[in-house]
C-alpha atoms as a PDB file:
ATOM      1  CA  MET A   1     -12.000  -9.154  -9.958  1.00  0.00           C
ATOM      2  CA  LYS A   2      -8.715  -8.815  -8.327  1.00  0.00           C
ATOM      3  CA  PRO A   3      -6.510  -5.878  -9.340  1.00  0.00           C
ATOM      4  CA  HIS A   4      -3.679  -8.047 -10.410  1.00  0.00           C
ATOM      5  CA  GLN A   5      -5.466 -10.313 -12.909  1.00  0.00           C
ATOM      6  CA  GLU A   6      -4.594 -10.325 -16.587  1.00  0.00           C
ATOM      7  CA  HIS A   7      -7.829  -8.567 -17.755  1.00  0.00           C
ATOM      8  CA  VAL A   8      -7.270  -5.039 -16.587  1.00  0.00           C
ATOM      9  CA  ASP A   9     -10.894  -3.980 -16.766  1.00  0.00           C
ATOM     10  CA  PRO A  10     -13.276  -5.741 -19.368  1.00  0.00           C
ATOM     11  CA  ASP A  11     -15.733  -2.894 -18.860  1.00  0.00           C
ATOM     12  CA  ALA A  12     -13.189  -0.167 -19.769  1.00  0.00           C
ATOM     13  CA  GLY A  13     -13.600  -1.116 -23.618  1.00  0.00           C
ATOM     14  CA  ASN A  14      -9.902  -1.765 -24.118  1.00  0.00           C
ATOM     15  CA  LYS A  15      -7.899  -4.780 -25.319  1.00  0.00           C
ATOM     16  CA  VAL A  16      -6.915  -7.482 -22.815  1.00  0.00           C
ATOM     17  CA  ARG A  17      -3.386  -6.645 -21.696  1.00  0.00           C
ATOM     18  CA  VAL A  18      -1.721  -9.863 -22.896  1.00  0.00           C
ATOM     19  CA  GLN A  19      -3.252  -9.611 -26.322  1.00  0.00           C
ATOM     20  CA  SER A  20      -2.101  -6.003 -26.894  1.00  0.00           C
ATOM     21  CA  GLY A  21       1.270  -6.600 -25.797  1.00  0.00           C
ATOM     22  CA  SER A  22       0.960  -3.567 -23.316  1.00  0.00           C
ATOM     23  CA  TYR A  23       2.514  -3.685 -19.870  1.00  0.00           C
ATOM     24  CA  LEU A  24       1.342  -2.346 -16.551  1.00  0.00           C
ATOM     25  CA  SER A  25       2.946   0.832 -15.221  1.00  0.00           C
ATOM     26  CA  THR A  26       4.895   1.393 -12.188  1.00  0.00           C
ATOM     27  CA  GLY A  27       1.966   3.315 -10.901  1.00  0.00           C
ATOM     28  CA  TRP A  28      -0.192   0.217 -11.260  1.00  0.00           C
ATOM     29  CA  PHE A  29       2.172  -1.960  -9.143  1.00  0.00           C
ATOM     30  CA  THR A  30       2.489   0.887  -6.588  1.00  0.00           C
ATOM     31  CA  PHE A  31      -1.256   1.019  -6.214  1.00  0.00           C
ATOM     32  CA  ILE A  32      -1.341  -2.835  -5.717  1.00  0.00           C
ATOM     33  CA  LEU A  33       1.363  -2.545  -2.978  1.00  0.00           C
ATOM     34  CA  ALA A  34      -0.314   0.491  -1.271  1.00  0.00           C
ATOM     35  CA  MET A  35      -3.766  -1.058  -1.291  1.00  0.00           C
ATOM     36  CA  ASP A  36      -2.268  -4.217   0.485  1.00  0.00           C
ATOM     37  CA  ALA A  37      -0.027  -2.359   2.974  1.00  0.00           C
ATOM     38  CA  CYS A  38      -1.713   0.955   3.769  1.00  0.00           C
ATOM     39  CA  TYR A  39      -4.997   1.761   5.461  1.00  0.00           C
ATOM     40  CA  GLY A  40      -5.425   4.938   3.123  1.00  0.00           C
ATOM     41  CA  ILE A  41      -3.700   6.292   0.069  1.00  0.00           C
ATOM     42  CA  HIS A  42      -3.238   9.982  -0.783  1.00  0.00           C
ATOM     43  CA  VAL A  43      -2.185  10.422  -4.468  1.00  0.00           C
ATOM     44  CA  TYR A  44      -0.585  13.684  -5.277  1.00  0.00           C
ATOM     45  CA  GLY A  45      -0.209  15.073  -8.873  1.00  0.00           C
ATOM     46  CA  MET A  46      -1.778  12.230 -10.861  1.00  0.00           C
ATOM     47  CA  ILE A  47      -4.311  13.535 -13.626  1.00  0.00           C
ATOM     48  CA  ASN A  48      -7.476  11.641 -14.161  1.00  0.00           C
ATOM     49  CA  ASP A  49      -8.666   9.866 -17.430  1.00  0.00           C
ATOM     50  CA  THR A  50     -10.478  12.715 -18.778  1.00  0.00           C
ATOM     51  CA  TYR A  51      -7.928  15.565 -18.015  1.00  0.00           C
ATOM     52  CA  CYS A  52      -6.309  15.600 -21.491  1.00  0.00           C
ATOM     53  CA  LYS A  53      -9.681  16.010 -23.083  1.00  0.00           C
ATOM     54  CA  THR A  54     -10.499  19.042 -20.873  1.00  0.00           C
ATOM     55  CA  GLU A  55     -10.461  22.465 -22.771  1.00  0.00           C
ATOM     56  CA  GLY A  56      -7.633  24.538 -21.608  1.00  0.00           C
ATOM     57  CA  TYR A  57      -5.730  21.806 -19.738  1.00  0.00           C
ATOM     58  CA  ARG A  58      -2.282  22.697 -18.609  1.00  0.00           C
ATOM     59  CA  LYS A  59       0.405  21.176 -20.789  1.00  0.00           C
ATOM     60  CA  VAL A  60       3.255  19.621 -18.916  1.00  0.00           C
ATOM     61  CA  PRO A  61       6.278  17.480 -19.866  1.00  0.00           C
ATOM     62  CA  TYR A  62       5.938  13.876 -19.783  1.00  0.00           C
ATOM     63  CA  HIS A  63       9.269  13.581 -17.692  1.00  0.00           C
ATOM     64  CA  TYR A  64      10.370  16.493 -15.725  1.00  0.00           C
ATOM     65  CA  TYR A  65      13.883  16.013 -17.209  1.00  0.00           C
ATOM     66  CA  GLU A  66      12.814  15.644 -20.843  1.00  0.00           C
ATOM     67  CA  GLN A  67      11.403  18.875 -22.230  1.00  0.00           C
ATOM     68  CA  GLY A  68       9.262  18.750 -25.541  1.00  0.00           C
ATOM     69  CA  ARG A  69       7.367  15.512 -24.742  1.00  0.00           C
ATOM     70  CA  ASP A  70       3.835  16.595 -23.545  1.00  0.00           C
ATOM     71  CA  GLU A  71       2.199  14.211 -20.947  1.00  0.00           C
ATOM     72  CA  CYS A  72      -1.212  14.040 -22.665  1.00  0.00           C
ATOM     73  CA  ASP A  73       0.280  13.424 -26.136  1.00  0.00           C
ATOM     74  CA  GLU A  74       2.418  10.690 -24.646  1.00  0.00           C
ATOM     75  CA  TYR A  75      -0.727   9.100 -22.875  1.00  0.00           C
ATOM     76  CA  PHE A  76      -2.756   9.237 -26.157  1.00  0.00           C
ATOM     77  CA  LEU A  77       0.207   7.652 -28.073  1.00  0.00           C
ATOM     78  CA  HIS A  78       0.351   4.799 -25.723  1.00  0.00           C
ATOM     79  CA  GLU A  79      -3.351   4.206 -25.384  1.00  0.00           C
ATOM     80  CA  HIS A  80      -3.862   3.962 -29.075  1.00  0.00           C
ATOM     81  CA  ALA A  81      -0.717   2.135 -29.961  1.00  0.00           C
ATOM     82  CA  PRO A  82      -1.685  -0.969 -32.034  1.00  0.00           C
ATOM     83  CA  TYR A  83       0.862  -3.026 -29.790  1.00  0.00           C
ATOM     84  CA  GLY A  84       3.024  -2.398 -26.679  1.00  0.00           C
ATOM     85  CA  GLY A  85       3.358   0.535 -24.361  1.00  0.00           C
ATOM     86  CA  HIS A  86       1.168   1.400 -21.394  1.00  0.00           C
ATOM     87  CA  ARG A  87      -2.473   2.003 -21.257  1.00  0.00           C
ATOM     88  CA  PHE A  88      -2.265   4.881 -19.020  1.00  0.00           C
ATOM     89  CA  ILE A  89      -5.788   6.157 -19.607  1.00  0.00           C
ATOM     90  CA  THR A  90      -7.308   2.797 -18.974  1.00  0.00           C
ATOM     91  CA  GLU A  91      -5.299   2.522 -15.798  1.00  0.00           C
ATOM     92  CA  LYS A  92      -6.555   5.707 -14.556  1.00  0.00           C
ATOM     93  CA  LYS A  93     -10.181   4.537 -15.148  1.00  0.00           C
ATOM     94  CA  VAL A  94      -9.297   1.523 -13.002  1.00  0.00           C
ATOM     95  CA  PHE A  95      -7.620   3.586 -10.311  1.00  0.00           C
ATOM     96  CA  ALA A  96     -10.935   5.579 -10.091  1.00  0.00           C
ATOM     97  CA  LYS A  97     -12.956   2.333  -9.674  1.00  0.00           C
ATOM     98  CA  TRP A  98     -10.673   1.350  -7.013  1.00  0.00           C
ATOM     99  CA  ALA A  99     -10.964   4.549  -5.233  1.00  0.00           C
ATOM    100  CA  LYS A 100     -14.785   3.726  -4.705  1.00  0.00           C
ATOM    101  CA  LYS A 101     -13.795   0.466  -2.770  1.00  0.00           C
ATOM    102  CA  HIS A 102     -10.750   1.658  -1.016  1.00  0.00           C
ATOM    103  CA  ARG A 103      -9.514   4.772   0.778  1.00  0.00           C
ATOM    104  CA  ILE A 104      -7.926   6.396  -2.013  1.00  0.00           C
ATOM    105  CA  ILE A 105      -7.756  10.248  -2.397  1.00  0.00           C
ATOM    106  CA  PHE A 106      -6.494  12.132  -5.348  1.00  0.00           C
ATOM    107  CA  THR A 107      -5.294  15.717  -5.040  1.00  0.00           C
ATOM    108  CA  HIS A 108      -3.660  18.346  -7.314  1.00  0.00           C
ATOM    109  CA  PRO A 109      -5.702  17.913  -9.210  1.00  0.00           C
ATOM    110  CA  ASN A 110      -8.638  16.596  -7.292  1.00  0.00           C
ATOM    111  CA  TRP A 111     -10.610  13.725  -8.764  1.00  0.00           C
ATOM    112  CA  THR A 112     -14.340  13.328  -8.583  1.00  0.00           C
ATOM    113  CA  VAL A 113     -14.834   9.692  -7.988  1.00  0.00           C
ATOM    114  CA  SER A 114     -18.561   8.914  -8.295  1.00  0.00           C
END
């Protein structure tokens, strides 16, 4: 499956992007460009798909300039929206799969890609 196909990842257990009205994030398009243009990718500061369910996770603002909107709350809101928004958590699952096939390293926090 090519990363730019309409079906984000049928194995991720989520709706097909077009049917759900969701749209791909700028992170998605950045990964597509970087995988095509770069030998290796180092990603700094992106949390993985399970971080927000980890006990004692560190709450940070969704946008650095917009206090009060927690990153994890925003991710869950978008992920479970009946229509529209981003599927951030699903995208992170896909990024982890891509890291198995491409030279992608996640740091701060480190991702365990198995």
